[in-house]
Protein backbone atom coordinates (compact mmCIF):
# COMPACT_ATOMS: atom_id res chain seq x y z
CA MET A 1 -48.91 -51.72 -31.03
CA ALA A 2 -46.46 -48.85 -31.15
CA THR A 3 -47.47 -45.68 -29.31
CA THR A 4 -46.55 -42.24 -30.60
CA VAL A 5 -45.78 -39.71 -27.86
CA ARG A 6 -46.46 -36.18 -29.01
CA LYS A 7 -44.40 -33.21 -27.86
CA GLY A 8 -45.79 -31.71 -24.68
CA GLU A 9 -47.59 -34.80 -23.43
CA GLY A 10 -46.99 -36.32 -20.04
CA PRO A 11 -46.15 -34.80 -16.65
CA HIS A 12 -43.35 -32.30 -16.05
CA ALA A 13 -40.30 -33.49 -14.16
CA PRO A 14 -40.55 -33.04 -10.35
CA GLY A 15 -39.20 -29.66 -9.30
CA SER A 16 -38.98 -28.31 -12.85
CA LYS A 17 -40.19 -24.87 -13.95
CA PRO A 18 -40.35 -22.94 -17.25
CA VAL A 19 -36.92 -21.66 -18.26
CA ALA A 20 -38.24 -18.07 -18.34
CA GLU A 21 -38.86 -18.31 -14.60
CA VAL A 22 -35.34 -19.45 -13.75
CA LYS A 23 -33.28 -16.62 -12.28
CA TYR A 24 -29.64 -16.73 -11.26
CA HIS A 25 -27.59 -14.14 -9.46
CA GLY A 26 -24.99 -12.67 -11.78
CA SER A 27 -21.25 -13.24 -11.60
CA THR A 28 -18.64 -11.07 -13.25
CA ALA A 29 -14.90 -11.33 -13.88
CA LEU A 30 -13.12 -8.03 -14.54
CA TYR A 31 -9.49 -7.88 -15.58
CA GLY A 32 -7.21 -5.21 -16.94
CA ARG A 33 -4.14 -3.14 -16.26
CA SER A 34 -3.86 -1.06 -13.11
CA ALA A 35 -5.93 2.14 -12.94
CA THR A 36 -8.25 1.22 -15.83
CA GLY A 37 -11.47 1.37 -13.81
CA LYS A 38 -12.00 -2.17 -12.46
CA THR A 39 -12.75 -1.15 -8.87
CA THR A 40 -14.79 1.87 -9.94
CA LEU A 41 -16.98 -0.35 -12.11
CA ALA A 42 -17.41 -2.91 -9.31
CA ALA A 43 -18.66 -0.11 -7.05
CA THR A 44 -21.64 0.46 -9.40
CA TYR A 45 -23.07 -2.99 -8.58
CA PRO A 46 -26.13 -3.35 -6.31
CA LYS A 47 -25.71 -2.06 -2.76
CA PRO A 48 -24.90 -2.89 -0.04
CA ILE A 49 -21.53 -4.17 -1.25
CA LEU A 50 -19.02 -6.23 0.69
CA TYR A 51 -15.60 -5.37 -0.74
CA LEU A 52 -12.80 -7.81 0.06
CA ASN A 53 -9.46 -6.06 -0.17
CA ILE A 54 -7.00 -8.89 -0.84
CA LEU A 55 -3.60 -7.19 -0.42
CA ASP A 56 -4.63 -4.70 -3.10
CA ASN A 57 -5.35 -1.43 -1.26
CA GLY A 58 -7.38 -0.20 -4.20
CA THR A 59 -10.23 1.51 -2.38
CA ASP A 60 -9.06 5.10 -2.92
CA SER A 61 -11.09 5.39 -6.13
CA ILE A 62 -14.34 4.46 -4.33
CA ALA A 63 -13.75 6.20 -0.99
CA ASP A 64 -16.74 8.50 -1.59
CA VAL A 65 -19.18 5.71 -2.51
CA GLU A 66 -21.75 4.96 0.17
CA ASP A 67 -22.99 1.58 1.42
CA ILE A 68 -19.74 -0.36 0.91
CA ASP A 69 -18.17 -2.38 3.72
CA VAL A 70 -14.48 -3.28 3.40
CA VAL A 71 -12.73 -6.32 4.86
CA ASN A 72 -8.95 -6.61 4.56
CA ILE A 73 -7.84 -10.15 3.72
CA ASN A 74 -4.27 -11.11 4.64
CA ASN A 75 -4.37 -14.91 4.45
CA SER A 76 -6.49 -17.71 3.05
CA GLU A 77 -7.96 -18.74 6.42
CA GLU A 78 -9.54 -15.30 6.84
CA LEU A 79 -11.19 -15.66 3.43
CA LYS A 80 -12.41 -19.21 4.08
CA GLU A 81 -13.93 -18.19 7.43
CA LEU A 82 -15.61 -15.20 5.82
CA VAL A 83 -17.24 -17.13 2.97
CA LEU A 84 -18.47 -19.71 5.51
CA TRP A 85 -19.98 -16.88 7.58
CA LEU A 86 -21.65 -15.42 4.49
CA HIS A 87 -23.26 -18.77 3.61
CA LYS A 88 -24.48 -19.19 7.20
CA GLN A 89 -26.01 -15.71 7.15
CA SER A 90 -27.66 -16.53 3.83
CA ASN A 91 -29.13 -19.77 5.19
CA LYS A 92 -30.61 -17.79 8.09
CA GLY A 93 -32.06 -15.22 5.67
CA LYS A 94 -29.92 -12.50 7.27
CA LEU A 95 -27.38 -11.75 4.54
CA ARG A 96 -27.53 -7.98 4.10
CA TYR A 97 -25.20 -7.71 1.10
CA LYS A 98 -26.35 -7.71 -2.52
CA THR A 99 -22.84 -7.81 -4.02
CA VAL A 100 -19.52 -9.29 -2.94
CA VAL A 101 -16.32 -8.07 -4.63
CA LEU A 102 -12.98 -9.91 -4.48
CA ASP A 103 -10.12 -7.57 -5.35
CA THR A 104 -7.90 -9.19 -6.52
CA LEU A 105 -7.78 -12.89 -7.41
CA THR A 106 -4.22 -12.29 -8.59
CA GLN A 107 -3.16 -11.38 -5.05
CA LEU A 108 -5.17 -14.28 -3.63
CA GLN A 109 -3.21 -16.62 -5.88
CA LYS A 110 0.00 -15.08 -4.52
CA ILE A 111 -1.19 -15.62 -0.94
CA LEU A 112 -1.96 -19.29 -1.60
CA THR A 113 1.40 -19.73 -3.35
CA ASN A 114 3.32 -18.18 -0.45
CA GLU A 115 1.43 -20.28 2.09
CA MET A 116 2.20 -23.45 0.16
CA GLY A 117 5.85 -22.41 -0.05
CA GLU A 118 5.98 -22.08 3.73
CA LYS A 119 4.43 -25.55 4.17
CA VAL A 120 7.03 -27.05 1.84
CA LYS A 121 9.84 -25.34 3.75
CA GLU A 122 8.53 -26.67 7.07
CA ARG A 123 8.23 -30.17 5.65
CA LEU A 124 11.75 -30.11 4.28
CA ALA A 125 13.27 -28.51 7.36
CA SER A 126 13.44 -31.85 9.19
CA LYS A 127 14.95 -33.62 6.19
CA LYS A 128 18.36 -33.46 4.55
CA LYS A 129 18.33 -30.32 2.43
CA ARG A 130 19.46 -30.26 -1.15
CA ALA A 131 20.24 -27.31 -3.39
CA GLY A 132 17.02 -25.88 -4.76
CA ASP A 133 14.76 -27.46 -2.11
CA PHE A 134 13.64 -24.21 -0.56
CA GLY A 135 11.33 -21.96 -2.50
CA SER A 136 10.60 -24.48 -5.25
CA LEU A 137 7.12 -25.98 -5.68
CA GLN A 138 6.42 -29.20 -7.52
CA LEU A 139 3.58 -29.90 -9.92
CA GLN A 140 1.54 -31.51 -7.13
CA GLU A 141 1.74 -28.36 -4.98
CA TRP A 142 0.68 -26.17 -7.90
CA GLY A 143 -2.30 -28.48 -8.38
CA ILE A 144 -3.33 -28.01 -4.74
CA ILE A 145 -3.05 -24.21 -5.07
CA ALA A 146 -5.19 -24.26 -8.20
CA GLY A 147 -7.77 -26.50 -6.53
CA ASP A 148 -8.04 -24.23 -3.47
CA LEU A 149 -8.43 -21.15 -5.65
CA LYS A 150 -11.12 -22.77 -7.80
CA SER A 151 -13.04 -23.87 -4.68
CA LEU A 152 -12.98 -20.36 -3.21
CA ILE A 153 -14.20 -18.87 -6.48
CA LEU A 154 -17.15 -21.29 -6.60
CA ASP A 155 -17.97 -20.72 -2.92
CA PHE A 156 -18.32 -16.99 -3.53
CA ARG A 157 -20.07 -17.39 -6.88
CA ASN A 158 -22.67 -19.68 -5.30
CA LEU A 159 -23.75 -17.05 -2.78
CA PRO A 160 -27.23 -15.62 -3.55
CA VAL A 161 -25.72 -12.23 -4.46
CA GLU A 162 -23.90 -10.59 -7.34
CA SER A 163 -20.26 -11.68 -7.28
CA VAL A 164 -17.45 -9.68 -8.86
CA PHE A 165 -13.97 -11.16 -9.29
CA ILE A 166 -11.20 -8.69 -10.14
CA ALA A 167 -7.83 -9.75 -11.55
CA GLN A 168 -4.80 -8.21 -13.17
CA GLU A 169 -4.23 -8.66 -16.89
CA LYS A 170 -1.88 -11.27 -18.33
CA MET A 171 -0.07 -10.02 -21.40
CA LEU A 172 0.81 -12.21 -24.38
CA ASN A 173 4.49 -12.33 -23.48
CA GLY A 174 4.14 -11.89 -19.74
CA ASP A 175 6.61 -13.28 -17.25
CA ASP A 176 4.18 -14.94 -14.85
CA ASP A 177 5.83 -16.89 -12.04
CA HIS A 178 4.13 -20.19 -12.88
CA ASP A 179 1.33 -21.59 -14.97
CA ASP A 180 0.31 -24.91 -13.43
CA GLY A 181 3.96 -25.63 -12.71
CA ALA A 182 5.35 -24.70 -16.11
CA ASP A 183 6.02 -21.41 -17.87
CA GLN A 184 3.74 -20.98 -20.85
CA ILE A 185 2.82 -18.19 -23.20
CA ALA A 186 -0.92 -17.52 -23.17
CA PRO A 187 -2.57 -17.70 -26.60
CA GLU A 188 -4.56 -14.57 -25.75
CA VAL A 189 -4.87 -11.81 -23.19
CA SER A 190 -6.78 -12.89 -20.10
CA THR A 191 -6.56 -12.85 -16.29
CA ARG A 192 -3.19 -13.07 -14.55
CA LEU A 193 -4.01 -16.46 -13.06
CA MET A 194 -2.84 -20.02 -13.56
CA LYS A 195 -4.20 -21.34 -16.82
CA SER A 196 -6.53 -23.94 -15.30
CA VAL A 197 -7.90 -21.39 -12.80
CA ASP A 198 -8.43 -18.84 -15.57
CA SER A 199 -10.35 -21.44 -17.61
CA ASP A 200 -12.56 -22.38 -14.65
CA LEU A 201 -13.26 -18.76 -13.79
CA CYS A 202 -14.20 -17.89 -17.36
CA ALA A 203 -16.56 -20.87 -17.53
CA SER A 204 -18.15 -20.10 -14.14
CA VAL A 205 -19.14 -16.45 -14.57
CA SER A 206 -21.80 -14.84 -16.73
CA VAL A 207 -19.70 -11.80 -17.72
CA ILE A 208 -16.00 -11.44 -18.52
CA GLY A 209 -14.88 -7.90 -19.22
CA ASN A 210 -11.53 -6.30 -20.00
CA THR A 211 -11.06 -2.75 -18.78
CA PHE A 212 -8.92 -0.31 -20.74
CA ILE A 213 -8.47 3.41 -21.36
CA ARG A 214 -9.12 4.83 -24.81
CA VAL A 215 -7.64 8.21 -25.66
CA LYS A 216 -9.91 10.48 -27.68
CA VAL A 217 -8.27 13.44 -29.42
CA THR A 218 -10.39 16.31 -30.76
CA LYS A 219 -9.48 19.61 -32.35
CA GLU A 220 -11.45 22.84 -32.29
CA LYS A 221 -10.87 26.43 -33.26
CA VAL A 222 -10.57 28.90 -30.40
CA ASP A 223 -9.72 32.55 -31.16
CA LYS A 224 -8.46 31.58 -34.61
CA LYS A 225 -6.17 28.97 -33.10
CA ILE A 226 -6.50 25.19 -33.33
CA VAL A 227 -6.76 23.74 -29.83
CA ARG A 228 -6.07 20.03 -29.38
CA ARG A 229 -8.00 18.38 -26.57
CA VAL A 230 -7.16 14.95 -25.17
CA GLU A 231 -9.84 13.01 -23.30
CA LYS A 232 -9.43 9.70 -21.48
CA LEU A 233 -12.37 7.33 -21.87
CA TYR A 234 -12.72 4.42 -19.45
CA CYS A 235 -13.97 1.42 -21.43
CA LEU A 236 -14.94 -2.23 -21.01
CA ARG A 237 -14.49 -4.87 -23.71
CA LEU A 238 -17.45 -7.29 -23.81
CA GLY A 239 -18.11 -8.47 -27.36
CA PRO A 240 -16.23 -11.29 -29.12
CA ASN A 241 -12.55 -10.43 -29.54
CA ALA A 242 -9.73 -12.22 -31.34
CA VAL A 243 -7.17 -11.32 -28.67
CA TYR A 244 -8.92 -10.50 -25.38
CA THR A 245 -10.97 -13.02 -23.43
CA THR A 246 -14.52 -11.65 -23.19
CA LYS A 247 -17.99 -13.05 -22.55
CA ILE A 248 -21.53 -11.92 -21.81
CA ARG A 249 -24.59 -14.13 -21.50
CA LYS A 250 -27.48 -12.59 -23.39
CA PRO A 251 -30.58 -13.55 -25.39
CA GLN A 252 -29.97 -15.22 -28.74
CA GLY A 253 -30.01 -12.64 -31.51
CA VAL A 254 -28.74 -9.81 -29.30
CA GLU A 255 -25.36 -8.53 -30.46
CA ALA A 256 -22.94 -7.45 -27.77
CA PRO A 257 -20.97 -4.27 -28.48
CA ASP A 258 -17.21 -4.50 -28.88
CA PHE A 259 -16.89 -2.25 -25.84
CA ILE A 260 -18.86 0.24 -23.77
CA VAL A 261 -17.69 3.63 -22.51
CA ASP A 262 -18.05 4.54 -18.82
CA PRO A 263 -19.27 1.04 -17.97
CA THR A 264 -21.71 0.44 -15.13
CA TYR A 265 -23.69 -2.48 -13.79
CA ARG A 266 -26.88 -1.07 -15.33
CA LYS A 267 -25.33 -0.84 -18.80
CA ILE A 268 -24.10 -4.44 -18.57
CA ARG A 269 -27.52 -5.67 -17.40
CA LYS A 270 -29.25 -3.92 -20.29
CA ILE A 271 -27.08 -5.85 -22.75
CA MET A 272 -27.78 -9.11 -20.91
CA LYS A 273 -31.54 -8.47 -21.13
CA GLY A 274 -31.41 -7.32 -24.75
CA ILE A 275 -32.60 -3.79 -23.91
CA GLU A 276 -31.61 -1.02 -26.30
């Protein structure tokens, strides 16, 4: 005789819990042109912050912010050793940081590319050289670079802290060095990273924001004269956009704004929780 199983009957799967009880640490990708507020926004995330300066030297804008430790990263081995140390500290329950910031992924990609170029040169040095051998990477090498970059991104994202990945902006008709071994025009504005890395990053994080400066012009009458005032507003694109890559995970039914002015971690979290 057939048995009808009603919804809700039977035991719960081992190790399962109600979805409302599942909490993940946030991960954010910020990209934009230089001096549009990426680092300043990252500094509003929960403290203490570990800020990884990857050949960027962009800490001037946050020099007066307390509870931020800075580590200068000059090569990929330094970064790999650091993320391993962070995971070990976490496993011991001794990780003091609540946020880790990587500034920038664009420079990290350059480091990995240069290191691969040096390996290729060393490998070819013992062989008969041909025109174009030195300084040229093949598709296989670009694949290795992309794989290393993706692994590092996931290693940092999987830490039990807020992770913030900063990158430069890729324009529609940019002249990027390489895109997975071939020059391509991006269909939209996104991070200045190889296409496959950009796709993985965008899929891995909970927030993707584009920083930009909006100029606000107002006029007012002063002593019978019209005075024109120009104000720069630092903004972050978050809502769906036809040109810029954006994303924010939020409750169904909550509408994300096109952009927010003077963005902070608290403002972003309010949108993610559906708080007015």
